[in-house]
C-alpha atoms as a PDB file:
ATOM      1  CA  MET A   1      95.733  71.733  83.661  1.00  0.00           C
ATOM      2  CA  LEU A   2      94.142  74.106  85.841  1.00  0.00           C
ATOM      3  CA  PRO A   3      93.949  72.891  89.800  1.00  0.00           C
ATOM      4  CA  HIS A   4      89.876  72.755  89.577  1.00  0.00           C
ATOM      5  CA  LYS A   5      89.703  70.553  86.526  1.00  0.00           C
ATOM      6  CA  THR A   6      91.819  67.576  87.963  1.00  0.00           C
ATOM      7  CA  LYS A   7      90.320  65.127  90.422  1.00  0.00           C
ATOM      8  CA  ARG A   8      92.362  66.177  92.676  1.00  0.00           C
ATOM      9  CA  GLY A   9      91.720  69.732  92.892  1.00  0.00           C
ATOM     10  CA  GLN A  10      88.600  69.832  92.559  1.00  0.00           C
ATOM     11  CA  ALA A  11      88.693  67.382  95.582  1.00  0.00           C
ATOM     12  CA  ALA A  12      90.984  70.157  97.649  1.00  0.00           C
ATOM     13  CA  LEU A  13      88.401  73.446  96.345  1.00  0.00           C
ATOM     14  CA  GLU A  14      85.596  71.363  98.040  1.00  0.00           C
ATOM     15  CA  ARG A  15      87.436  71.199 101.211  1.00  0.00           C
ATOM     16  CA  LEU A  16      88.315  74.922 100.736  1.00  0.00           C
ATOM     17  CA  LYS A  17      84.581  75.767 100.661  1.00  0.00           C
ATOM     18  CA  VAL A  18      84.081  74.675 104.237  1.00  0.00           C
ATOM     19  CA  PHE A  19      85.780  77.836 105.418  1.00  0.00           C
ATOM     20  CA  ASP A  20      84.215  80.956 105.027  1.00  0.00           C
ATOM     21  CA  GLY A  21      85.999  84.007 103.430  1.00  0.00           C
ATOM     22  CA  ILE A  22      87.834  82.118 100.976  1.00  0.00           C
ATOM     23  CA  PRO A  23      84.894  82.129  97.884  1.00  0.00           C
ATOM     24  CA  PRO A  24      85.934  79.383  94.585  1.00  0.00           C
ATOM     25  CA  PRO A  25      86.657  81.302  91.619  1.00  0.00           C
ATOM     26  CA  TYR A  26      83.777  79.525  89.332  1.00  0.00           C
ATOM     27  CA  ASP A  27      80.967  80.245  91.804  1.00  0.00           C
ATOM     28  CA  LYS A  28      79.442  82.132  90.042  1.00  0.00           C
ATOM     29  CA  ARG A  29      76.284  82.734  92.026  1.00  0.00           C
ATOM     30  CA  LYS A  30      78.657  84.223  95.242  1.00  0.00           C
ATOM     31  CA  GLN A  31      80.718  86.765  93.013  1.00  0.00           C
ATOM     32  CA  GLU A  32      77.335  87.905  92.154  1.00  0.00           C
ATOM     33  CA  GLU A  33      75.879  88.216  95.799  1.00  0.00           C
ATOM     34  CA  ASP A  34      79.269  89.778  96.568  1.00  0.00           C
ATOM     35  CA  GLU A  35      78.983  92.614  94.195  1.00  0.00           C
ATOM     36  CA  GLU A  36      75.642  93.419  95.389  1.00  0.00           C
ATOM     37  CA  ASP A  37      77.158  93.116  98.988  1.00  0.00           C
ATOM     38  CA  SER A  38      79.488  95.388  97.537  1.00  0.00           C
ATOM     39  CA  LEU A  39      77.328  98.131  96.259  1.00  0.00           C
ATOM     40  CA  HIS A  40      75.042  98.598  99.580  1.00  0.00           C
ATOM     41  CA  THR A  41      78.398  97.942 102.496  1.00  0.00           C
ATOM     42  CA  PRO A  42      81.672 100.159 102.470  1.00  0.00           C
ATOM     43  CA  PHE A  43      84.829  98.146 102.950  1.00  0.00           C
ATOM     44  CA  PHE A  44      86.687  99.901 105.716  1.00  0.00           C
ATOM     45  CA  ARG A  45      90.482  99.221 107.501  1.00  0.00           C
ATOM     46  CA  VAL A  46      91.331 100.714 111.188  1.00  0.00           C
ATOM     47  CA  SER A  47      94.757 101.706 111.364  1.00  0.00           C
ATOM     48  CA  CYS A  48      95.681 102.123 115.391  1.00  0.00           C
ATOM     49  CA  ARG A  49      98.440 104.105 116.993  1.00  0.00           C
ATOM     50  CA  CYS A  50      99.430 103.734 120.695  1.00  0.00           C
ATOM     51  CA  SER A  51     101.153 105.011 123.491  1.00  0.00           C
ATOM     52  CA  GLY A  52     102.601 104.900 127.118  1.00  0.00           C
ATOM     53  CA  VAL A  53     101.219 101.735 128.974  1.00  0.00           C
ATOM     54  CA  ILE A  54      98.599 101.412 126.801  1.00  0.00           C
ATOM     55  CA  ALA A  55     101.216 100.463 123.974  1.00  0.00           C
ATOM     56  CA  ARG A  56     103.284  97.701 125.900  1.00  0.00           C
ATOM     57  CA  SER A  57      99.898  96.288 127.215  1.00  0.00           C
ATOM     58  CA  HIS A  58      98.405  95.671 123.637  1.00  0.00           C
ATOM     59  CA  THR A  59     100.202  95.900 119.839  1.00  0.00           C
ATOM     60  CA  SER A  60      98.624  98.479 117.889  1.00  0.00           C
ATOM     61  CA  GLN A  61      97.696  95.433 115.275  1.00  0.00           C
ATOM     62  CA  ARG A  62      94.998  93.562 118.297  1.00  0.00           C
ATOM     63  CA  LEU A  63      93.626  96.720 118.947  1.00  0.00           C
ATOM     64  CA  SER A  64      92.933  97.685 115.492  1.00  0.00           C
ATOM     65  CA  ARG A  65      91.349  94.056 115.469  1.00  0.00           C
ATOM     66  CA  ILE A  66      89.161  94.600 118.669  1.00  0.00           C
ATOM     67  CA  ILE A  67      87.929  97.950 117.129  1.00  0.00           C
ATOM     68  CA  GLY A  68      87.484  96.609 113.305  1.00  0.00           C
ATOM     69  CA  MET A  69      85.308  93.686 114.782  1.00  0.00           C
ATOM     70  CA  ALA A  70      83.062  96.186 117.082  1.00  0.00           C
ATOM     71  CA  ILE A  71      82.763  98.786 113.358  1.00  0.00           C
ATOM     72  CA  LYS A  72      82.077  95.395 112.166  1.00  0.00           C
ATOM     73  CA  GLU A  73      79.897  94.083 114.168  1.00  0.00           C
ATOM     74  CA  ASP A  74      77.872  97.301 114.886  1.00  0.00           C
ATOM     75  CA  LEU A  75      77.998  98.909 110.976  1.00  0.00           C
ATOM     76  CA  GLY A  76      77.637  95.495 109.213  1.00  0.00           C
ATOM     77  CA  TRP A  77      80.204  96.584 107.374  1.00  0.00           C
ATOM     78  CA  LYS A  78      82.989  94.526 105.264  1.00  0.00           C
ATOM     79  CA  VAL A  79      86.815  94.359 106.444  1.00  0.00           C
ATOM     80  CA  ASP A  80      89.256  95.375 103.054  1.00  0.00           C
ATOM     81  CA  LEU A  81      92.965  95.581 104.240  1.00  0.00           C
ATOM     82  CA  ARG A  82      94.450  96.342 100.857  1.00  0.00           C
ATOM     83  CA  GLU A  83      92.007  98.847  99.175  1.00  0.00           C
ATOM     84  CA  PRO A  84      89.452  99.914 101.568  1.00  0.00           C
ATOM     85  CA  VAL A  85      87.143 102.871 100.968  1.00  0.00           C
ATOM     86  CA  LEU A  86      87.187 103.981 104.386  1.00  0.00           C
ATOM     87  CA  GLU A  87      90.042 103.361 106.958  1.00  0.00           C
ATOM     88  CA  VAL A  88      89.714 104.384 110.495  1.00  0.00           C
ATOM     89  CA  ASN A  89      92.428 105.749 112.389  1.00  0.00           C
ATOM     90  CA  ALA A  90      92.933 105.792 115.897  1.00  0.00           C
ATOM     91  CA  TYR A  91      95.146 107.353 118.091  1.00  0.00           C
ATOM     92  CA  LEU A  92      95.176 106.045 121.540  1.00  0.00           C
ATOM     93  CA  SER A  93      97.091 107.184 124.544  1.00  0.00           C
ATOM     94  CA  ASP A  94      96.944 106.758 128.790  1.00  0.00           C
ATOM     95  CA  ASP A  95      94.751 109.782 129.151  1.00  0.00           C
ATOM     96  CA  HIS A  96      92.987 110.082 125.540  1.00  0.00           C
ATOM     97  CA  CYS A  97      91.786 108.790 122.347  1.00  0.00           C
ATOM     98  CA  ILE A  98      91.428 110.688 118.457  1.00  0.00           C
ATOM     99  CA  VAL A  99      89.526 108.674 116.282  1.00  0.00           C
ATOM    100  CA  GLY A 100      89.784 110.317 112.620  1.00  0.00           C
ATOM    101  CA  ILE A 101      88.313 109.400 109.135  1.00  0.00           C
ATOM    102  CA  PRO A 102      90.559 111.004 106.203  1.00  0.00           C
ATOM    103  CA  LEU A 103      88.846 112.966 104.173  1.00  0.00           C
ATOM    104  CA  LEU A 104      90.718 112.923 100.970  1.00  0.00           C
ATOM    105  CA  LYS A 105      92.336 109.757  99.197  1.00  0.00           C
ATOM    106  CA  HIS A 106      95.869 111.634  98.688  1.00  0.00           C
ATOM    107  CA  PRO A 107      98.014 113.443 102.191  1.00  0.00           C
ATOM    108  CA  LEU A 108      97.476 117.349 101.346  1.00  0.00           C
ATOM    109  CA  ALA A 109     101.119 117.668 101.451  1.00  0.00           C
ATOM    110  CA  SER A 110     101.393 115.776  98.163  1.00  0.00           C
ATOM    111  CA  ARG A 111      99.842 118.154  96.691  1.00  0.00           C
ATOM    112  CA  THR A 112     100.757 120.165  93.237  1.00  0.00           C
ATOM    113  CA  TYR A 113     101.102 124.002  93.632  1.00  0.00           C
ATOM    114  CA  MET A 114     100.469 126.529  91.388  1.00  0.00           C
ATOM    115  CA  LYS A 115     104.370 127.798  91.505  1.00  0.00           C
ATOM    116  CA  HIS A 116     103.764 131.702  90.727  1.00  0.00           C
ATOM    117  CA  ASN A 117     106.211 134.945  90.952  1.00  0.00           C
ATOM    118  CA  GLY A 118     103.392 136.610  93.374  1.00  0.00           C
ATOM    119  CA  LEU A 119     103.434 137.736  97.230  1.00  0.00           C
ATOM    120  CA  HIS A 120     102.140 135.192 100.012  1.00  0.00           C
ATOM    121  CA  SER A 121      99.780 136.982 102.217  1.00  0.00           C
ATOM    122  CA  THR A 122     101.703 135.777 104.721  1.00  0.00           C
ATOM    123  CA  ILE A 123     104.945 137.607 103.876  1.00  0.00           C
ATOM    124  CA  ALA A 124     102.347 140.814 102.458  1.00  0.00           C
ATOM    125  CA  TRP A 125     100.523 140.898 106.193  1.00  0.00           C
ATOM    126  CA  ALA A 126     104.168 140.911 108.372  1.00  0.00           C
ATOM    127  CA  MET A 127     105.399 143.715 105.983  1.00  0.00           C
ATOM    128  CA  SER A 128     102.609 145.652 106.315  1.00  0.00           C
ATOM    129  CA  SER A 129     102.666 145.160 109.988  1.00  0.00           C
ATOM    130  CA  LEU A 130     106.604 146.157 109.707  1.00  0.00           C
ATOM    131  CA  PHE A 131     105.738 149.538 107.759  1.00  0.00           C
ATOM    132  CA  HIS A 132     102.428 150.571 108.576  1.00  0.00           C
ATOM    133  CA  GLN A 133     103.254 154.417 108.617  1.00  0.00           C
ATOM    134  CA  ALA A 134     104.084 153.798 104.502  1.00  0.00           C
ATOM    135  CA  LEU A 135     100.592 150.915 104.135  1.00  0.00           C
ATOM    136  CA  TYR A 136      99.034 152.714 101.479  1.00  0.00           C
ATOM    137  CA  ASP A 137     102.341 153.149  99.585  1.00  0.00           C
ATOM    138  CA  PHE A 138     103.345 149.956  99.731  1.00  0.00           C
ATOM    139  CA  ILE A 139     100.980 148.375  98.197  1.00  0.00           C
ATOM    140  CA  TYR A 140     100.497 151.227  95.470  1.00  0.00           C
ATOM    141  CA  ALA A 141     104.034 149.983  94.528  1.00  0.00           C
ATOM    142  CA  ILE A 142     103.140 146.272  94.972  1.00  0.00           C
ATOM    143  CA  SER A 143      99.491 146.629  93.129  1.00  0.00           C
ATOM    144  CA  GLU A 144     100.927 149.540  90.164  1.00  0.00           C
ATOM    145  CA  TYR A 145     103.982 146.194  89.770  1.00  0.00           C
ATOM    146  CA  LEU A 146     101.084 143.500  89.176  1.00  0.00           C
ATOM    147  CA  ASN A 147      98.940 145.520  86.966  1.00  0.00           C
ATOM    148  CA  ILE A 148      95.962 144.969  90.070  1.00  0.00           C
ATOM    149  CA  SER A 149      95.898 149.074  90.839  1.00  0.00           C
ATOM    150  CA  LEU A 150      92.317 149.296  90.293  1.00  0.00           C
ATOM    151  CA  ILE A 151      91.050 146.338  92.780  1.00  0.00           C
ATOM    152  CA  ILE A 152      93.765 147.549  95.174  1.00  0.00           C
ATOM    153  CA  ARG A 153      93.215 151.242  95.433  1.00  0.00           C
ATOM    154  CA  THR A 154      88.972 150.249  95.444  1.00  0.00           C
ATOM    155  CA  HIS A 155      89.628 148.224  99.115  1.00  0.00           C
ATOM    156  CA  PHE A 156      92.504 149.977 100.839  1.00  0.00           C
ATOM    157  CA  THR A 157      92.058 153.873 101.405  1.00  0.00           C
ATOM    158  CA  PRO A 158      95.135 156.388 102.687  1.00  0.00           C
ATOM    159  CA  GLY A 159      94.633 156.481 106.550  1.00  0.00           C
ATOM    160  CA  SER A 160      93.466 153.377 107.028  1.00  0.00           C
ATOM    161  CA  GLN A 161      93.826 151.162 110.192  1.00  0.00           C
ATOM    162  CA  PHE A 162      93.394 147.902 110.290  1.00  0.00           C
END
């Protein structure tokens, strides 16, 4: 039997209505209002890291709460710690404060890269700076190997300086 169907469960849910932030699951009007609000206001979370004297006097959780309350009061955004639309990262130290907002959902380190056997640009630059006299011959040999000789030949001429 569901808790809101019994007399005792109904009384418990009525007592919970007093507290803001615990919406009853059966109140459709409240759910519709929440859905309309969620379309207009983004959900956010504040993650804070501290070092130095600040870390000894305040916890990261307390500072995150303070920054979150300020954002909530100024902008009217809602807090969602589990699935935020926007995450605000704050790094606090004795002499500086850095606040950042990630632009992507996933970290760049977890991207999948195309694996190919081509020559990386940094390695090509290092090799060309070491062998500056034979730069044209080197690029020509690589371009012939990779079958892109026409493109390379039009951009590089013998005796050109960088």
